[in-house]
N, C-alpha and C. Protein backbone atom coordinates (compact mmCIF):
# COMPACT_ATOMS: atom_id res chain seq x y z
N MET A 1 11.38 3.30 11.57
CA MET A 1 11.21 2.85 10.17
C MET A 1 10.36 1.71 9.96
N ILE A 2 9.48 1.66 8.97
CA ILE A 2 8.69 0.55 8.91
C ILE A 2 9.22 -0.56 8.07
N ALA A 3 8.94 -1.83 8.43
CA ALA A 3 9.57 -2.99 7.64
C ALA A 3 8.83 -2.79 6.41
N GLU A 4 9.43 -3.47 5.36
CA GLU A 4 8.63 -3.30 4.03
C GLU A 4 7.56 -4.32 4.03
N PRO A 5 6.29 -3.50 3.56
CA PRO A 5 4.92 -4.15 3.75
C PRO A 5 4.77 -5.07 2.75
N ASP A 6 4.15 -6.32 2.97
CA ASP A 6 3.86 -7.24 2.04
C ASP A 6 3.21 -6.96 0.81
N CYS A 7 2.33 -5.96 1.02
CA CYS A 7 1.58 -5.28 -0.31
C CYS A 7 2.55 -4.71 -1.22
N HIS A 8 3.58 -4.25 -0.72
CA HIS A 8 4.75 -3.70 -1.64
C HIS A 8 5.62 -4.80 -2.08
N LYS A 9 5.87 -5.68 -1.35
CA LYS A 9 6.72 -6.84 -1.91
C LYS A 9 6.09 -7.60 -2.99
N ARG A 10 4.72 -7.86 -2.83
CA ARG A 10 3.72 -8.47 -4.03
C ARG A 10 3.47 -7.55 -5.05
N GLY A 11 3.83 -6.43 -5.07
CA GLY A 11 3.75 -5.53 -6.18
C GLY A 11 2.21 -5.02 -6.54
N CYS A 12 1.61 -4.66 -5.35
CA CYS A 12 0.31 -4.15 -5.43
C CYS A 12 0.24 -2.72 -6.22
N ARG A 13 -0.48 -2.71 -7.25
CA ARG A 13 -0.55 -1.40 -8.01
C ARG A 13 -1.13 -0.29 -7.22
N HIS A 14 -1.83 -0.49 -6.21
CA HIS A 14 -2.50 0.56 -5.35
C HIS A 14 -1.61 0.93 -4.29
N PHE A 15 -0.59 0.42 -3.95
CA PHE A 15 0.37 0.76 -2.83
C PHE A 15 0.88 2.25 -2.97
N GLY A 16 0.63 3.08 -1.78
CA GLY A 16 0.82 4.53 -1.85
C GLY A 16 1.90 5.09 -1.21
N GLY A 17 2.65 3.89 -0.63
CA GLY A 17 3.91 4.44 0.16
C GLY A 17 3.85 4.62 1.56
N VAL A 18 4.81 5.07 2.28
CA VAL A 18 4.64 5.45 3.74
C VAL A 18 4.47 6.90 3.71
N GLU A 19 3.61 7.39 4.79
CA GLU A 19 3.35 8.77 4.79
C GLU A 19 3.78 9.06 6.48
N GLN A 20 4.00 10.31 6.73
CA GLN A 20 4.41 10.66 8.26
C GLN A 20 3.35 11.82 8.42
N PRO A 21 2.37 11.52 9.01
CA PRO A 21 1.26 12.58 9.28
C PRO A 21 1.74 13.71 10.01
N ASP A 22 2.61 13.52 11.12
CA ASP A 22 2.91 14.65 11.99
C ASP A 22 4.36 14.91 11.52
N GLY A 23 4.94 14.35 10.54
CA GLY A 23 6.27 14.64 10.03
C GLY A 23 7.33 13.99 10.78
N THR A 24 7.32 12.93 11.46
CA THR A 24 8.22 12.33 12.13
C THR A 24 7.95 10.75 11.84
N GLU A 25 9.09 9.95 12.13
CA GLU A 25 9.15 8.61 11.79
C GLU A 25 8.23 7.92 12.73
N LEU A 26 7.75 8.40 13.91
CA LEU A 26 7.02 7.70 14.94
C LEU A 26 5.55 7.66 14.37
N SER A 27 5.10 8.65 13.46
CA SER A 27 3.82 8.62 13.12
C SER A 27 3.75 7.92 11.50
N GLU A 28 4.83 7.20 11.16
CA GLU A 28 4.77 6.47 9.96
C GLU A 28 3.53 5.65 9.74
N VAL A 29 2.86 5.61 8.73
CA VAL A 29 2.00 4.81 8.31
C VAL A 29 1.97 4.37 6.78
N VAL A 30 1.62 3.16 6.35
CA VAL A 30 1.61 2.59 5.06
C VAL A 30 0.07 2.99 4.51
N VAL A 31 0.12 3.53 3.26
CA VAL A 31 -1.19 3.84 2.85
C VAL A 31 -1.55 3.38 1.36
N CYS A 32 -2.77 3.42 0.94
CA CYS A 32 -3.18 3.08 -0.26
C CYS A 32 -4.60 3.70 -0.47
N PRO A 33 -5.34 3.86 -1.67
CA PRO A 33 -6.58 4.49 -1.63
C PRO A 33 -7.85 3.63 -0.97
N ALA A 34 -7.36 2.45 -0.60
CA ALA A 34 -8.50 1.42 0.31
C ALA A 34 -8.28 1.90 1.83
N TYR A 35 -7.18 2.29 1.93
CA TYR A 35 -6.78 2.60 3.54
C TYR A 35 -5.98 3.92 3.53
N PRO A 36 -6.60 5.05 3.34
CA PRO A 36 -5.72 6.28 3.34
C PRO A 36 -5.04 6.62 4.68
N ASP A 37 -5.75 6.25 5.79
CA ASP A 37 -5.14 6.66 7.01
C ASP A 37 -4.34 5.47 7.58
N GLY A 38 -4.09 4.48 7.00
CA GLY A 38 -2.97 3.49 7.20
C GLY A 38 -3.58 2.03 7.01
N ILE A 39 -2.70 1.39 6.20
CA ILE A 39 -3.12 -0.07 6.07
C ILE A 39 -2.98 -0.99 7.16
N PRO A 40 -3.86 -1.58 7.53
CA PRO A 40 -3.95 -2.68 8.78
C PRO A 40 -2.64 -3.57 8.84
N ARG A 41 -2.23 -3.74 9.97
CA ARG A 41 -1.04 -4.80 9.92
C ARG A 41 -1.21 -5.95 9.37
N ARG A 42 -2.55 -6.63 9.65
CA ARG A 42 -2.79 -7.82 9.02
C ARG A 42 -2.73 -8.14 7.55
N ILE A 43 -2.67 -6.75 6.83
CA ILE A 43 -2.23 -6.77 5.64
C ILE A 43 -0.81 -6.58 5.27
N THR A 44 -0.33 -5.55 5.93
CA THR A 44 1.08 -5.04 5.73
C THR A 44 2.15 -6.21 6.07
N LEU A 45 1.79 -6.79 7.21
CA LEU A 45 2.82 -7.67 7.91
C LEU A 45 2.41 -9.03 8.21
N ASP A 46 1.21 -9.30 8.28
CA ASP A 46 0.79 -10.60 8.90
C ASP A 46 0.18 -11.57 7.97
N GLY A 47 0.16 -11.43 6.58
CA GLY A 47 0.02 -12.26 5.67
C GLY A 47 -1.33 -12.24 4.90
N GLU A 48 -2.37 -11.57 5.23
CA GLU A 48 -3.51 -11.26 4.69
C GLU A 48 -3.40 -10.65 3.23
N LEU A 49 -4.01 -11.47 2.19
CA LEU A 49 -3.75 -11.06 0.86
C LEU A 49 -4.51 -9.99 0.40
N HIS A 50 -5.67 -9.64 0.97
CA HIS A 50 -6.61 -8.46 0.54
C HIS A 50 -6.99 -8.58 -0.74
N LEU A 51 -7.62 -9.80 -1.01
CA LEU A 51 -8.34 -10.13 -2.40
C LEU A 51 -9.75 -9.89 -2.45
N THR A 52 -10.53 -9.48 -1.27
CA THR A 52 -11.76 -9.03 -1.12
C THR A 52 -11.87 -7.87 -0.45
N ALA A 53 -12.72 -7.06 -0.57
CA ALA A 53 -12.97 -5.83 0.01
C ALA A 53 -13.41 -6.06 1.46
N GLN A 54 -12.74 -5.29 2.48
CA GLN A 54 -13.11 -5.39 3.93
C GLN A 54 -13.93 -4.34 4.30
N LYS A 55 -14.82 -4.67 5.40
CA LYS A 55 -15.61 -3.86 5.99
C LYS A 55 -14.86 -2.45 6.52
N ASP A 56 -13.74 -2.53 6.77
CA ASP A 56 -13.05 -1.25 7.45
C ASP A 56 -12.28 -0.41 6.30
N GLN A 57 -12.40 -0.76 5.09
CA GLN A 57 -11.74 -0.13 4.02
C GLN A 57 -12.65 1.00 3.30
N VAL A 58 -11.98 1.87 2.55
CA VAL A 58 -12.87 2.70 1.88
C VAL A 58 -12.87 2.26 0.43
N GLY A 59 -14.17 2.36 -0.15
CA GLY A 59 -14.42 1.75 -1.39
C GLY A 59 -14.19 0.27 -1.49
N SER A 60 -14.02 -0.25 -2.84
CA SER A 60 -13.85 -1.60 -3.12
C SER A 60 -12.66 -2.11 -3.72
N ILE A 61 -11.65 -1.35 -3.61
CA ILE A 61 -10.15 -1.61 -4.31
C ILE A 61 -9.48 -2.79 -3.29
N VAL A 62 -9.09 -3.58 -4.04
CA VAL A 62 -8.37 -4.81 -3.50
C VAL A 62 -6.93 -4.94 -4.22
N PHE A 63 -6.33 -5.95 -3.69
CA PHE A 63 -4.98 -6.10 -4.36
C PHE A 63 -4.93 -6.48 -5.84
N GLU A 64 -4.21 -5.85 -6.57
CA GLU A 64 -4.00 -6.02 -7.91
C GLU A 64 -2.51 -5.88 -8.30
N GLU A 65 -1.88 -6.90 -8.86
CA GLU A 65 -0.54 -6.84 -9.17
C GLU A 65 -0.11 -5.66 -10.41
N THR A 66 0.91 -5.10 -10.00
CA THR A 66 1.22 -4.10 -11.07
C THR A 66 1.61 -4.82 -12.18
N THR A 67 1.48 -4.10 -13.31
CA THR A 67 1.79 -4.66 -14.69
C THR A 67 2.88 -3.74 -15.39
N LEU A 68 3.30 -4.15 -16.34
CA LEU A 68 4.40 -3.22 -16.97
C LEU A 68 3.73 -2.01 -17.59
N ASP A 69 2.33 -2.05 -17.81
CA ASP A 69 1.56 -0.78 -18.24
C ASP A 69 1.54 0.24 -17.15
N ASP A 70 1.60 -0.21 -15.64
CA ASP A 70 1.56 0.72 -14.63
C ASP A 70 2.61 1.46 -14.22
N ARG A 71 3.70 0.85 -14.57
CA ARG A 71 5.22 1.46 -14.31
C ARG A 71 5.35 2.62 -15.07
N PRO A 72 5.84 3.79 -14.38
CA PRO A 72 6.22 5.04 -15.21
C PRO A 72 7.41 4.82 -16.19
N GLU A 73 7.18 5.57 -17.34
CA GLU A 73 8.17 5.52 -18.19
C GLU A 73 9.38 6.29 -17.82
N GLU A 74 10.72 5.83 -18.18
CA GLU A 74 11.91 6.34 -17.89
C GLU A 74 12.22 7.29 -19.00
N ASP A 75 12.82 8.48 -18.25
CA ASP A 75 13.24 9.45 -19.42
C ASP A 75 14.47 8.96 -20.17
N GLU A 76 14.43 9.34 -21.26
CA GLU A 76 15.66 8.79 -22.38
C GLU A 76 16.49 10.11 -22.45
N GLY A 77 16.99 10.64 -21.26
CA GLY A 77 17.96 11.69 -21.65
C GLY A 77 18.92 11.59 -20.92
């Protein structure tokens, strides 16, 4: 099991969760659109804030805090 990533704790709207590419816990990676194959440890655990695009990422997505508008609506039923 992976420790809770910093990007999730900080509420990044792009956080994609944890994936298990081979279906096992041993292959778990934390993903987002900028790092679909796994967010680097320097961002998930070592304190890098990812406020600027990095050479090793896909596209130009960087940390953006989740807002109330980003949260899914709850069912009223």
